[in-house]
Amino acid sequence: MTYRLGLTGSIGMGKSTTAKIFAQLGCAVWDADAGVHRLYQKGGAAVAPMKAKFPKAIENEAVSRERLKDIIAETPQALKEIEAIVHPLLGHDRAAFVAGAGADILVFDIPLLFETGGQERMDATVVVTASADEQRRRVLERGTMSEAQFEAIKAKQMPDVEKRALADYVVFTDTEEHAKKQVKEILNDIGAKLANA
């Protein structure tokens, strides 16, 4: 029996680091963002349908995320059309991962897990969290976005306190050692459930 664990958390909360810890401890990890990247790259499954609908989004035979951002900024309803193309393809990518995964515990790293109702497909959910100050510091330290862009992304995401209330497990990512200790506890708990199933 495979156990499906949904991993989520707002921007800058330490989700990527936590996903790596799960992988190091023997879980198979599917990353939604990496899945989208596969779909958008040259030869990816989303290139042809996106080219048909949004020819301006194509650059060097791949889907350009920068160009998509411009299209969405100009035409906000384009986002729904893009999602209608990408979400089913991402579902196929996820199904292929499940079919090929050899681990007992499958971790699905999905930024908008609760926002999209993805928790319905999971056996349990993990939310990663940190203080608001720490979150802001991490994001702005990356140097890839302005404070205004950070606030805009945060506004689209469910508030951290709501995510934590919905989660089966919460991982505080104040330090990597603390995060690893909590991940081990989660895996022990799931292992006990699987043993008794």
Protein backbone atom coordinates (compact mmCIF):
# COMPACT_ATOMS: atom_id res chain seq x y z
CA MET A 1 0.00 0.00 0.00
CA THR A 2 1.30 3.44 -0.90
CA TYR A 3 0.60 6.41 1.32
CA ARG A 4 -0.01 9.79 -0.34
CA LEU A 5 1.26 12.77 1.60
CA GLY A 6 0.51 16.29 0.35
CA LEU A 7 3.23 18.83 1.17
CA THR A 8 2.43 22.51 0.97
CA GLY A 9 3.22 25.90 2.44
CA SER A 10 3.29 29.52 1.43
CA ILE A 11 6.19 31.12 -0.45
CA GLY A 12 9.42 31.31 1.58
CA MET A 13 8.27 28.86 4.27
CA GLY A 14 10.89 26.17 3.53
CA LYS A 15 8.89 23.74 1.39
CA SER A 16 11.72 22.87 -1.01
CA THR A 17 14.09 22.15 1.88
CA THR A 18 11.45 20.00 3.60
CA ALA A 19 10.75 18.10 0.36
CA LYS A 20 14.50 17.32 0.11
CA ILE A 21 14.45 15.97 3.67
CA PHE A 22 11.55 13.63 2.80
CA ALA A 23 13.51 12.44 -0.25
CA GLN A 24 16.68 11.89 1.82
CA LEU A 25 14.63 9.76 4.23
CA GLY A 26 13.44 7.42 1.47
CA CYS A 27 10.19 8.95 0.21
CA ALA A 28 9.46 9.43 -3.47
CA VAL A 29 8.75 13.14 -4.10
CA TRP A 30 6.71 14.64 -6.95
CA ASP A 31 7.22 18.38 -7.39
CA ALA A 32 4.32 20.21 -9.10
CA ASP A 33 6.54 23.13 -10.19
CA ALA A 34 9.06 20.73 -11.75
CA GLY A 35 6.13 18.99 -13.47
CA VAL A 36 5.03 22.28 -15.03
CA HIS A 37 8.64 22.91 -16.11
CA ARG A 38 8.67 19.51 -17.90
CA LEU A 39 5.41 20.40 -19.68
CA TYR A 40 6.74 23.81 -20.77
CA GLN A 41 10.20 22.81 -21.99
CA LYS A 42 10.98 22.08 -25.65
CA GLY A 43 9.13 18.87 -26.58
CA GLY A 44 6.90 19.15 -23.48
CA ALA A 45 3.24 18.17 -23.64
CA ALA A 46 1.96 21.73 -23.04
CA VAL A 47 3.91 23.39 -25.88
CA ALA A 48 1.56 22.51 -28.78
CA PRO A 49 -1.76 23.35 -27.02
CA MET A 50 -0.27 26.56 -25.60
CA LYS A 51 1.07 27.53 -29.03
CA ALA A 52 -2.42 27.06 -30.49
CA LYS A 53 -4.07 29.21 -27.81
CA PHE A 54 -1.29 31.69 -26.91
CA PRO A 55 1.26 31.86 -29.77
CA LYS A 56 2.99 34.82 -28.06
CA ALA A 57 3.85 32.56 -25.08
CA ILE A 58 6.23 30.44 -27.17
CA GLU A 59 9.95 31.22 -27.25
CA ASN A 60 12.58 28.85 -28.74
CA GLU A 61 9.92 26.10 -29.11
CA ALA A 62 9.19 26.21 -25.36
CA VAL A 63 6.58 27.98 -23.22
CA SER A 64 8.06 31.13 -21.67
CA ARG A 65 6.84 31.76 -18.12
CA GLU A 66 7.86 35.42 -18.48
CA ARG A 67 5.67 35.80 -21.55
CA LEU A 68 2.81 34.02 -19.79
CA LYS A 69 3.08 36.54 -16.93
CA ASP A 70 2.74 39.37 -19.49
CA ILE A 71 -0.27 37.69 -21.13
CA ILE A 72 -1.99 37.22 -17.74
CA ALA A 73 -1.21 40.84 -16.77
CA GLU A 74 -2.84 42.06 -20.01
CA THR A 75 -5.75 39.58 -19.97
CA PRO A 76 -6.52 38.28 -16.46
CA GLN A 77 -9.04 35.65 -17.74
CA ALA A 78 -6.14 34.04 -19.67
CA LEU A 79 -5.07 32.41 -16.39
CA LYS A 80 -8.18 30.19 -16.38
CA GLU A 81 -7.51 29.17 -20.00
CA ILE A 82 -3.86 28.38 -19.19
CA GLU A 83 -4.92 26.31 -16.15
CA ALA A 84 -7.46 24.43 -18.32
CA ILE A 85 -4.56 23.33 -20.54
CA VAL A 86 -1.95 22.71 -17.84
CA HIS A 87 -3.90 21.02 -15.00
CA PRO A 88 -5.00 17.90 -16.94
CA LEU A 89 -1.47 17.48 -18.37
CA LEU A 90 -0.01 17.87 -14.88
CA GLY A 91 -2.43 15.16 -13.73
CA HIS A 92 -0.93 12.79 -16.33
CA ASP A 93 2.58 13.71 -15.14
CA ARG A 94 1.57 12.96 -11.54
CA ALA A 95 -0.04 9.64 -12.54
CA ALA A 96 3.15 8.60 -14.35
CA PHE A 97 5.15 9.40 -11.17
CA VAL A 98 2.77 7.27 -9.05
CA ALA A 99 3.00 4.37 -11.51
CA GLY A 100 6.81 4.44 -11.45
CA ALA A 101 7.41 5.21 -7.77
CA GLY A 102 8.88 2.39 -5.71
CA ALA A 103 8.48 3.93 -2.25
CA ASP A 104 5.79 3.25 0.38
CA ILE A 105 5.30 6.96 1.05
CA LEU A 106 4.75 9.30 -1.89
CA VAL A 107 5.14 13.01 -1.17
CA PHE A 108 3.35 15.49 -3.45
CA ASP A 109 4.98 18.93 -3.24
CA ILE A 110 2.10 21.19 -4.37
CA PRO A 111 2.22 24.96 -3.61
CA LEU A 112 -1.56 25.49 -3.99
CA LEU A 113 -2.66 22.15 -2.52
CA PHE A 114 -5.55 23.50 -0.42
CA GLU A 115 -6.42 26.30 -2.86
CA THR A 116 -7.06 23.72 -5.62
CA GLY A 117 -8.73 21.06 -3.42
CA GLY A 118 -5.76 18.71 -3.93
CA GLN A 119 -5.93 17.52 -0.32
CA GLU A 120 -8.93 15.36 -1.36
CA ARG A 121 -6.51 13.06 -3.22
CA MET A 122 -4.14 12.70 -0.25
CA ASP A 123 -4.07 10.40 2.77
CA ALA A 124 -2.66 13.25 4.89
CA THR A 125 -1.20 16.73 4.51
CA VAL A 126 1.90 18.51 5.80
CA VAL A 127 2.16 22.30 5.99
CA VAL A 128 5.58 23.94 6.38
CA THR A 129 5.66 27.19 8.28
CA ALA A 130 7.93 29.89 9.66
CA SER A 131 7.40 33.29 11.23
CA ALA A 132 6.14 36.09 8.95
CA ASP A 133 9.43 37.98 9.44
CA GLU A 134 11.47 34.90 8.51
CA GLN A 135 9.27 34.29 5.46
CA ARG A 136 9.73 37.86 4.20
CA ARG A 137 13.51 37.76 4.85
CA ARG A 138 13.96 34.48 2.93
CA VAL A 139 11.98 35.61 -0.10
CA LEU A 140 13.58 39.05 -0.39
CA GLU A 141 17.06 37.58 0.19
CA ARG A 142 16.68 35.50 -2.98
CA GLY A 143 16.81 38.75 -4.95
CA THR A 144 14.36 37.44 -7.55
CA MET A 145 11.35 39.59 -6.64
CA SER A 146 10.40 42.92 -5.18
CA GLU A 147 8.47 43.39 -1.96
CA ALA A 148 5.38 44.27 -4.05
CA GLN A 149 5.67 41.00 -6.04
CA PHE A 150 6.08 39.05 -2.81
CA GLU A 151 2.94 40.67 -1.35
CA ALA A 152 1.01 39.94 -4.57
CA ILE A 153 1.95 36.24 -4.44
CA LYS A 154 1.14 36.06 -0.74
CA ALA A 155 -2.28 37.62 -1.41
CA LYS A 156 -3.12 34.77 -3.83
CA GLN A 157 -2.19 32.10 -1.30
CA MET A 158 -4.37 30.93 1.56
CA PRO A 159 -3.13 32.52 4.82
CA ASP A 160 -0.60 30.41 6.70
CA VAL A 161 -2.81 30.17 9.80
CA GLU A 162 -5.65 28.67 7.70
CA LYS A 163 -3.31 26.15 6.07
CA ARG A 164 -1.99 25.03 9.44
CA ALA A 165 -5.56 24.56 10.70
CA LEU A 166 -6.31 22.25 7.74
CA ALA A 167 -3.08 20.23 7.96
CA ASP A 168 -2.62 16.81 9.55
CA TYR A 169 1.01 17.67 10.30
CA VAL A 170 2.89 20.98 10.63
CA VAL A 171 6.65 21.37 10.18
CA PHE A 172 8.33 24.47 11.64
CA THR A 173 11.33 25.31 9.46
CA ASP A 174 13.17 27.63 11.88
CA THR A 175 16.27 25.43 11.40
CA GLU A 176 16.97 22.53 9.06
CA GLU A 177 17.81 20.25 12.03
CA HIS A 178 14.44 20.99 13.65
CA ALA A 179 12.64 20.41 10.33
CA LYS A 180 14.41 17.05 9.89
CA LYS A 181 13.46 15.95 13.42
CA GLN A 182 9.80 16.75 12.71
CA VAL A 183 9.86 14.97 9.33
CA LYS A 184 11.27 11.85 11.03
CA GLU A 185 8.43 12.01 13.58
CA ILE A 186 5.85 12.29 10.78
CA LEU A 187 7.35 9.31 8.94
CA ASN A 188 7.40 7.26 12.15
CA ASP A 189 3.73 8.11 12.73
CA ILE A 190 2.78 7.16 9.16
CA GLY A 191 4.90 4.01 9.39
CA ALA A 192 2.97 2.95 12.48
CA LYS A 193 -0.34 3.60 10.68
CA LEU A 194 0.78 1.55 7.66
CA ALA A 195 1.93 -1.29 9.94
CA ASN A 196 -1.51 -1.38 11.58
CA ALA A 197 -3.49 -0.96 8.34
